[in-house]
Amino acid sequence: MVKELLLSLLLVISIPFAQAGEAVPTNDDPVLEKRVMDLSEHLRCLVCQNQTIADSNAELAVDLRNQVREKLKAGQSEEEILKYMAARYSDFVLFKPQMKSSNWLLWFGPLLMLVGGAWLLMVTLRQRRKLQLQAPVLSAEEHERAEILLSDKKSAMPENSAQKNIGQKNIKDQS
């Protein structure tokens, strides 16, 4: 009984916190709201970073939309508002940043990396080809000998005079 009473009391206390806030009427001027939403499509939400402020419900996005609305009411052009937002929040706030000398690396960096990678690949492949062409070709006897060595058939390997000389030299060095 006490548990039920405490649970009921907790629910009654939490009701004011669970209710949504009042919606702010924004459709007083549908033309203005259309302009606000169109302009908001060009601005990035600084909290979400992958959404426009038109798509985001973050508090900062709502504040930025309100700023856009106020500036449009004040008679500023869309271009002036975009410049103001970029000056205040940097070019990052622009969903499609402009090409400037300060961000050329961001625009052309991927292309430079691709070209550099292709050049490095070509140089490496040419060097490999050159090394393969310069590599000595094994005679049939050397090829057979290599196969024997690789298959661990040392007992079947025929001894030639060079091997005998090396073996005799080793014996002399040991004595």
C-alpha atoms as a PDB file:
ATOM      1  CA  MET A   1       0.000   0.000   0.000  1.00  0.00           C
ATOM      2  CA  VAL A   2       2.826   2.392   0.888  1.00  0.00           C
ATOM      3  CA  LYS A   3       4.640   1.520  -2.364  1.00  0.00           C
ATOM      4  CA  GLU A   4       1.538   2.320  -4.412  1.00  0.00           C
ATOM      5  CA  LEU A   5       1.110   5.631  -2.608  1.00  0.00           C
ATOM      6  CA  LEU A   6       4.756   6.598  -3.202  1.00  0.00           C
ATOM      7  CA  LEU A   7       4.515   5.587  -6.857  1.00  0.00           C
ATOM      8  CA  SER A   8       1.345   7.672  -7.301  1.00  0.00           C
ATOM      9  CA  LEU A   9       2.979  10.647  -5.599  1.00  0.00           C
ATOM     10  CA  LEU A  10       6.055  10.328  -7.824  1.00  0.00           C
ATOM     11  CA  LEU A  11       3.881  10.254 -10.941  1.00  0.00           C
ATOM     12  CA  VAL A  12       1.924  13.323  -9.840  1.00  0.00           C
ATOM     13  CA  ILE A  13       5.148  15.227  -9.135  1.00  0.00           C
ATOM     14  CA  SER A  14       6.702  14.262 -12.494  1.00  0.00           C
ATOM     15  CA  ILE A  15       3.719  15.353 -14.634  1.00  0.00           C
ATOM     16  CA  PRO A  16       4.832  18.996 -15.020  1.00  0.00           C
ATOM     17  CA  PHE A  17       8.281  17.879 -16.165  1.00  0.00           C
ATOM     18  CA  ALA A  18       6.915  15.425 -18.718  1.00  0.00           C
ATOM     19  CA  GLN A  19       4.753  17.910 -20.585  1.00  0.00           C
ATOM     20  CA  ALA A  20       6.089  19.491 -23.739  1.00  0.00           C
ATOM     21  CA  GLY A  21       6.617  23.215 -23.899  1.00  0.00           C
ATOM     22  CA  GLU A  22       4.225  25.439 -25.728  1.00  0.00           C
ATOM     23  CA  ALA A  23       4.756  25.738 -29.441  1.00  0.00           C
ATOM     24  CA  VAL A  24       5.719  29.213 -30.547  1.00  0.00           C
ATOM     25  CA  PRO A  25       3.441  30.338 -33.325  1.00  0.00           C
ATOM     26  CA  THR A  26       5.574  30.896 -36.394  1.00  0.00           C
ATOM     27  CA  ASN A  27       3.014  31.011 -39.149  1.00  0.00           C
ATOM     28  CA  ASP A  28       2.006  34.650 -38.635  1.00  0.00           C
ATOM     29  CA  ASP A  29       3.610  35.417 -41.977  1.00  0.00           C
ATOM     30  CA  PRO A  30       3.836  32.324 -44.228  1.00  0.00           C
ATOM     31  CA  VAL A  31       6.014  34.151 -46.789  1.00  0.00           C
ATOM     32  CA  LEU A  32       8.522  35.110 -44.091  1.00  0.00           C
ATOM     33  CA  GLU A  33       8.538  31.553 -42.726  1.00  0.00           C
ATOM     34  CA  LYS A  34       9.196  30.179 -46.211  1.00  0.00           C
ATOM     35  CA  ARG A  35      12.171  32.566 -46.575  1.00  0.00           C
ATOM     36  CA  VAL A  36      13.438  31.600 -43.091  1.00  0.00           C
ATOM     37  CA  MET A  37      13.255  27.886 -43.908  1.00  0.00           C
ATOM     38  CA  ASP A  38      14.869  28.369 -47.331  1.00  0.00           C
ATOM     39  CA  LEU A  39      17.736  30.332 -45.793  1.00  0.00           C
ATOM     40  CA  SER A  40      17.985  27.853 -42.911  1.00  0.00           C
ATOM     41  CA  GLU A  41      18.718  25.114 -45.466  1.00  0.00           C
ATOM     42  CA  HIS A  42      22.043  26.877 -46.171  1.00  0.00           C
ATOM     43  CA  LEU A  43      23.170  26.987 -42.527  1.00  0.00           C
ATOM     44  CA  ARG A  44      24.675  24.046 -40.612  1.00  0.00           C
ATOM     45  CA  CYS A  45      23.543  23.199 -37.103  1.00  0.00           C
ATOM     46  CA  LEU A  46      26.612  23.699 -34.934  1.00  0.00           C
ATOM     47  CA  VAL A  47      25.387  21.068 -32.465  1.00  0.00           C
ATOM     48  CA  CYS A  48      24.300  18.334 -34.895  1.00  0.00           C
ATOM     49  CA  GLN A  49      26.933  19.185 -37.549  1.00  0.00           C
ATOM     50  CA  ASN A  50      25.309  16.951 -40.143  1.00  0.00           C
ATOM     51  CA  GLN A  51      21.973  18.732 -40.384  1.00  0.00           C
ATOM     52  CA  THR A  52      20.828  22.116 -41.466  1.00  0.00           C
ATOM     53  CA  ILE A  53      19.261  24.374 -38.873  1.00  0.00           C
ATOM     54  CA  ALA A  54      15.982  23.850 -40.715  1.00  0.00           C
ATOM     55  CA  ASP A  55      16.147  20.102 -39.981  1.00  0.00           C
ATOM     56  CA  SER A  56      17.532  20.292 -36.452  1.00  0.00           C
ATOM     57  CA  ASN A  57      15.555  20.653 -33.229  1.00  0.00           C
ATOM     58  CA  ALA A  58      18.565  21.566 -31.089  1.00  0.00           C
ATOM     59  CA  GLU A  59      18.183  24.718 -28.996  1.00  0.00           C
ATOM     60  CA  LEU A  60      21.004  26.454 -30.852  1.00  0.00           C
ATOM     61  CA  ALA A  61      19.359  25.672 -34.199  1.00  0.00           C
ATOM     62  CA  VAL A  62      16.082  27.173 -32.942  1.00  0.00           C
ATOM     63  CA  ASP A  63      17.986  30.271 -31.780  1.00  0.00           C
ATOM     64  CA  LEU A  64      19.724  30.586 -35.148  1.00  0.00           C
ATOM     65  CA  ARG A  65      16.399  30.282 -36.988  1.00  0.00           C
ATOM     66  CA  ASN A  66      15.025  33.021 -34.723  1.00  0.00           C
ATOM     67  CA  GLN A  67      18.029  35.219 -35.530  1.00  0.00           C
ATOM     68  CA  VAL A  68      17.447  34.621 -39.248  1.00  0.00           C
ATOM     69  CA  ARG A  69      13.757  35.491 -38.792  1.00  0.00           C
ATOM     70  CA  GLU A  70      14.596  38.734 -36.937  1.00  0.00           C
ATOM     71  CA  LYS A  71      17.148  39.800 -39.528  1.00  0.00           C
ATOM     72  CA  LEU A  72      14.734  39.115 -42.374  1.00  0.00           C
ATOM     73  CA  LYS A  73      12.082  41.164 -40.555  1.00  0.00           C
ATOM     74  CA  ALA A  74      14.655  43.954 -40.188  1.00  0.00           C
ATOM     75  CA  GLY A  75      15.014  44.002 -43.972  1.00  0.00           C
ATOM     76  CA  GLN A  76      18.441  42.401 -44.381  1.00  0.00           C
ATOM     77  CA  SER A  77      19.056  40.400 -47.528  1.00  0.00           C
ATOM     78  CA  GLU A  78      19.788  36.679 -47.487  1.00  0.00           C
ATOM     79  CA  GLU A  79      23.357  37.330 -48.595  1.00  0.00           C
ATOM     80  CA  GLU A  80      23.912  39.759 -45.707  1.00  0.00           C
ATOM     81  CA  ILE A  81      22.525  37.235 -43.229  1.00  0.00           C
ATOM     82  CA  LEU A  82      24.794  34.465 -44.556  1.00  0.00           C
ATOM     83  CA  LYS A  83      27.821  36.788 -44.311  1.00  0.00           C
ATOM     84  CA  TYR A  84      26.847  37.738 -40.754  1.00  0.00           C
ATOM     85  CA  MET A  85      26.488  34.094 -39.703  1.00  0.00           C
ATOM     86  CA  ALA A  86      29.815  33.176 -41.332  1.00  0.00           C
ATOM     87  CA  ALA A  87      31.532  36.111 -39.617  1.00  0.00           C
ATOM     88  CA  ARG A  88      30.060  35.192 -36.243  1.00  0.00           C
ATOM     89  CA  TYR A  89      30.361  31.385 -36.372  1.00  0.00           C
ATOM     90  CA  SER A  90      33.070  30.954 -39.083  1.00  0.00           C
ATOM     91  CA  ASP A  91      32.612  29.347 -42.477  1.00  0.00           C
ATOM     92  CA  PHE A  92      31.739  26.069 -40.743  1.00  0.00           C
ATOM     93  CA  VAL A  93      28.177  27.325 -40.226  1.00  0.00           C
ATOM     94  CA  LEU A  94      27.682  27.480 -43.998  1.00  0.00           C
ATOM     95  CA  PHE A  95      26.378  24.135 -45.234  1.00  0.00           C
ATOM     96  CA  LYS A  96      28.056  24.758 -48.602  1.00  0.00           C
ATOM     97  CA  PRO A  97      31.166  26.843 -47.820  1.00  0.00           C
ATOM     98  CA  GLN A  98      32.536  29.236 -50.392  1.00  0.00           C
ATOM     99  CA  MET A  99      35.880  28.630 -52.051  1.00  0.00           C
ATOM    100  CA  LYS A 100      38.455  30.995 -50.580  1.00  0.00           C
ATOM    101  CA  SER A 101      42.222  31.007 -50.493  1.00  0.00           C
ATOM    102  CA  SER A 102      42.071  30.065 -46.814  1.00  0.00           C
ATOM    103  CA  ASN A 103      40.275  26.785 -47.554  1.00  0.00           C
ATOM    104  CA  TRP A 104      41.831  25.712 -50.868  1.00  0.00           C
ATOM    105  CA  LEU A 105      43.406  22.734 -49.155  1.00  0.00           C
ATOM    106  CA  LEU A 106      39.954  21.521 -48.120  1.00  0.00           C
ATOM    107  CA  TRP A 107      38.649  21.859 -51.668  1.00  0.00           C
ATOM    108  CA  PHE A 108      41.650  20.522 -53.566  1.00  0.00           C
ATOM    109  CA  GLY A 109      43.299  18.328 -50.910  1.00  0.00           C
ATOM    110  CA  PRO A 110      41.469  15.118 -51.853  1.00  0.00           C
ATOM    111  CA  LEU A 111      42.337  15.640 -55.530  1.00  0.00           C
ATOM    112  CA  LEU A 112      45.997  16.271 -54.645  1.00  0.00           C
ATOM    113  CA  MET A 113      46.048  13.120 -52.503  1.00  0.00           C
ATOM    114  CA  LEU A 114      44.560  11.090 -55.366  1.00  0.00           C
ATOM    115  CA  VAL A 115      47.066  12.418 -57.912  1.00  0.00           C
ATOM    116  CA  GLY A 116      49.961  11.919 -55.468  1.00  0.00           C
ATOM    117  CA  GLY A 117      48.859   8.358 -54.734  1.00  0.00           C
ATOM    118  CA  ALA A 118      48.568   7.540 -58.451  1.00  0.00           C
ATOM    119  CA  TRP A 119      52.050   8.989 -59.081  1.00  0.00           C
ATOM    120  CA  LEU A 120      53.527   6.987 -56.175  1.00  0.00           C
ATOM    121  CA  LEU A 121      51.872   3.814 -57.491  1.00  0.00           C
ATOM    122  CA  MET A 122      53.296   4.377 -60.987  1.00  0.00           C
ATOM    123  CA  VAL A 123      56.820   5.003 -59.642  1.00  0.00           C
ATOM    124  CA  THR A 124      56.670   1.890 -57.454  1.00  0.00           C
ATOM    125  CA  LEU A 125      55.402  -0.299 -60.301  1.00  0.00           C
ATOM    126  CA  ARG A 126      58.124   0.985 -62.651  1.00  0.00           C
ATOM    127  CA  GLN A 127      60.827   0.242 -60.077  1.00  0.00           C
ATOM    128  CA  ARG A 128      59.476  -3.272 -59.545  1.00  0.00           C
ATOM    129  CA  ARG A 129      59.374  -3.916 -63.284  1.00  0.00           C
ATOM    130  CA  LYS A 130      62.923  -2.633 -63.657  1.00  0.00           C
ATOM    131  CA  LEU A 131      64.133  -4.902 -60.814  1.00  0.00           C
ATOM    132  CA  GLN A 132      62.374  -7.892 -62.369  1.00  0.00           C
ATOM    133  CA  LEU A 133      64.023  -7.238 -65.714  1.00  0.00           C
ATOM    134  CA  GLN A 134      67.450  -6.908 -64.070  1.00  0.00           C
ATOM    135  CA  ALA A 135      67.070 -10.103 -62.044  1.00  0.00           C
ATOM    136  CA  PRO A 136      69.316 -12.928 -63.294  1.00  0.00           C
ATOM    137  CA  VAL A 137      67.586 -15.822 -65.008  1.00  0.00           C
ATOM    138  CA  LEU A 138      68.376 -19.251 -63.581  1.00  0.00           C
ATOM    139  CA  SER A 139      69.696 -21.955 -65.864  1.00  0.00           C
ATOM    140  CA  ALA A 140      67.925 -25.294 -65.962  1.00  0.00           C
ATOM    141  CA  GLU A 141      70.597 -26.830 -63.700  1.00  0.00           C
ATOM    142  CA  GLU A 142      70.310 -23.986 -61.145  1.00  0.00           C
ATOM    143  CA  HIS A 143      66.546 -24.205 -61.233  1.00  0.00           C
ATOM    144  CA  GLU A 144      66.659 -27.951 -60.555  1.00  0.00           C
ATOM    145  CA  ARG A 145      69.122 -27.428 -57.736  1.00  0.00           C
ATOM    146  CA  ALA A 146      66.898 -24.761 -56.177  1.00  0.00           C
ATOM    147  CA  GLU A 147      63.919 -27.121 -56.277  1.00  0.00           C
ATOM    148  CA  ILE A 148      65.961 -29.787 -54.525  1.00  0.00           C
ATOM    149  CA  LEU A 149      67.057 -27.331 -51.840  1.00  0.00           C
ATOM    150  CA  LEU A 150      63.536 -26.110 -51.288  1.00  0.00           C
ATOM    151  CA  SER A 151      62.112 -29.608 -51.017  1.00  0.00           C
ATOM    152  CA  ASP A 152      64.718 -30.589 -48.408  1.00  0.00           C
ATOM    153  CA  LYS A 153      66.116 -33.431 -50.513  1.00  0.00           C
ATOM    154  CA  LYS A 154      69.691 -32.602 -49.652  1.00  0.00           C
ATOM    155  CA  SER A 155      70.754 -36.222 -49.801  1.00  0.00           C
ATOM    156  CA  ALA A 156      69.624 -36.458 -53.416  1.00  0.00           C
ATOM    157  CA  MET A 157      71.490 -33.288 -54.401  1.00  0.00           C
ATOM    158  CA  PRO A 158      74.457 -34.077 -56.646  1.00  0.00           C
ATOM    159  CA  GLU A 159      77.760 -32.683 -55.478  1.00  0.00           C
ATOM    160  CA  ASN A 160      79.720 -30.798 -58.050  1.00  0.00           C
ATOM    161  CA  SER A 161      83.362 -29.813 -57.919  1.00  0.00           C
ATOM    162  CA  ALA A 162      82.640 -26.373 -56.393  1.00  0.00           C
ATOM    163  CA  GLN A 163      80.827 -27.933 -53.469  1.00  0.00           C
ATOM    164  CA  LYS A 164      83.647 -30.441 -52.928  1.00  0.00           C
ATOM    165  CA  ASN A 165      86.201 -27.626 -52.895  1.00  0.00           C
ATOM    166  CA  ILE A 166      84.181 -25.702 -50.305  1.00  0.00           C
ATOM    167  CA  GLY A 167      83.777 -28.831 -48.182  1.00  0.00           C
ATOM    168  CA  GLN A 168      87.518 -29.591 -48.359  1.00  0.00           C
ATOM    169  CA  LYS A 169      88.376 -25.992 -47.464  1.00  0.00           C
ATOM    170  CA  ASN A 170      86.121 -26.160 -44.399  1.00  0.00           C
ATOM    171  CA  ILE A 171      87.801 -29.387 -43.277  1.00  0.00           C
ATOM    172  CA  LYS A 172      91.270 -27.826 -43.636  1.00  0.00           C
ATOM    173  CA  ASP A 173      90.181 -24.738 -41.679  1.00  0.00           C
ATOM    174  CA  GLN A 174      88.888 -26.874 -38.816  1.00  0.00           C
ATOM    175  CA  SER A 175      92.136 -28.879 -38.476  1.00  0.00           C
END
